[in-house]
């Protein structure tokens, strides 16, 4: 009942056709396209321009990320500390109950 049923590959029956013959074709080279004579001049400005507004936005965004990550880490540390305190109280309670018997 719990054995997997593996399908069997059926064997081909009857006549099979031979594979098609691939005939080579002639390759004719073509003339390359003429290169453009007018080249665009390279610009001497940086790819990213930092204006005072973007710097302020980056600093604000970085501060927000640091605050959020810090809050998450502090809350996780608080959760671990509360769990450890609860386990310690439970252990002391169980020990005192066993000691009274």
Protein backbone atom coordinates (compact mmCIF):
# COMPACT_ATOMS: atom_id res chain seq x y z
CA UNK A 1 0.00 0.00 0.00
CA UNK A 2 2.81 2.42 0.84
CA UNK A 3 5.05 1.45 -2.06
CA UNK A 4 5.51 4.16 -4.67
CA UNK A 5 4.32 3.37 -8.13
CA UNK A 6 7.12 4.13 -10.54
CA UNK A 7 5.95 4.48 -14.13
CA UNK A 8 7.73 2.31 -16.67
CA UNK A 9 9.04 3.77 -19.89
CA UNK A 10 7.19 2.19 -22.83
CA UNK A 11 9.36 0.73 -25.57
CA UNK A 12 8.86 2.09 -29.10
CA UNK A 13 6.90 -0.18 -31.38
CA UNK A 14 6.66 -0.28 -35.13
CA UNK A 15 8.92 1.35 -37.67
CA UNK A 16 10.87 4.44 -36.78
CA UNK A 17 11.83 7.10 -39.29
CA UNK A 18 15.51 7.91 -39.76
CA UNK A 19 16.66 11.35 -38.65
CA UNK A 20 16.49 14.15 -41.19
CA UNK A 21 19.66 14.96 -43.09
CA UNK A 22 20.95 18.47 -42.51
CA UNK A 23 22.44 20.02 -45.62
CA UNK A 24 25.15 22.69 -45.24
CA UNK A 25 24.40 26.16 -46.50
CA UNK A 26 26.77 28.66 -48.02
CA UNK A 27 27.81 31.62 -45.85
CA UNK A 28 28.27 34.87 -47.71
CA UNK A 29 30.10 37.63 -45.82
CA UNK A 30 28.56 41.07 -45.94
CA UNK A 31 30.21 44.45 -45.80
CA UNK A 32 30.45 45.93 -42.28
CA UNK A 33 28.40 49.02 -41.52
CA UNK A 34 30.38 52.26 -41.72
CA UNK A 35 31.42 53.61 -38.32
CA UNK A 36 29.82 56.84 -37.22
CA UNK A 37 32.13 59.78 -37.73
CA UNK A 38 30.65 62.06 -35.04
CA UNK A 39 31.65 60.72 -31.63
CA UNK A 40 29.86 62.09 -28.59
CA UNK A 41 32.19 64.03 -26.29
CA UNK A 42 32.84 62.53 -22.86
CA UNK A 43 31.41 64.47 -19.95
CA UNK A 44 33.55 65.39 -16.98
CA UNK A 45 30.84 65.33 -14.34
CA UNK A 46 30.29 62.50 -11.85
CA UNK A 47 27.56 59.95 -12.43
CA UNK A 48 25.82 60.83 -9.15
CA UNK A 49 25.39 64.46 -8.21
CA UNK A 50 25.07 65.13 -4.50
CA UNK A 51 23.08 68.23 -3.79
CA UNK A 52 22.41 69.47 -0.24
CA UNK A 53 18.90 68.03 -0.45
CA UNK A 54 20.09 64.55 -1.42
CA UNK A 55 22.77 64.60 1.28
CA UNK A 56 20.12 65.53 3.84
CA UNK A 57 17.84 62.76 2.57
CA UNK A 58 20.66 60.20 2.76
CA UNK A 59 21.57 61.22 6.30
CA UNK A 60 17.92 61.12 7.37
CA UNK A 61 17.37 57.72 5.76
CA UNK A 62 20.53 56.30 7.35
CA UNK A 63 19.48 57.62 10.75
CA UNK A 64 16.04 56.07 10.37
CA UNK A 65 17.54 52.70 9.43
CA UNK A 66 19.91 52.78 12.41
CA UNK A 67 17.07 53.66 14.78
CA UNK A 68 14.78 50.92 13.45
CA UNK A 69 17.50 48.25 13.56
CA UNK A 70 18.50 49.37 17.06
CA UNK A 71 14.89 49.19 18.28
CA UNK A 72 14.50 45.69 16.86
CA UNK A 73 17.73 44.48 18.47
CA UNK A 74 16.85 46.03 21.86
CA UNK A 75 13.39 44.45 21.78
CA UNK A 76 14.91 41.04 20.98
CA UNK A 77 17.36 41.43 23.87
CA UNK A 78 14.50 42.38 26.17
CA UNK A 79 12.50 39.35 25.06
CA UNK A 80 15.48 37.06 25.79
CA UNK A 81 15.99 38.65 29.20
CA UNK A 82 12.32 38.26 30.13
CA UNK A 83 12.33 34.64 28.98
CA UNK A 84 15.44 33.90 31.02
CA UNK A 85 13.91 35.52 34.11
CA UNK A 86 10.70 33.53 33.67
CA UNK A 87 12.63 30.26 33.31
CA UNK A 88 14.66 31.11 36.43
CA UNK A 89 11.51 31.79 38.46
CA UNK A 90 9.96 28.53 37.24
CA UNK A 91 13.12 26.61 38.15
CA UNK A 92 13.17 28.10 41.66
CA UNK A 93 9.49 27.29 42.14
CA UNK A 94 9.89 23.69 41.00
CA UNK A 95 12.97 23.28 43.23
CA UNK A 96 11.16 24.60 46.28
CA UNK A 97 8.14 22.36 45.64
CA UNK A 98 10.37 19.31 45.29
CA UNK A 99 12.35 20.24 48.42
CA UNK A 100 9.16 20.39 50.57
CA UNK A 101 8.22 16.83 49.76
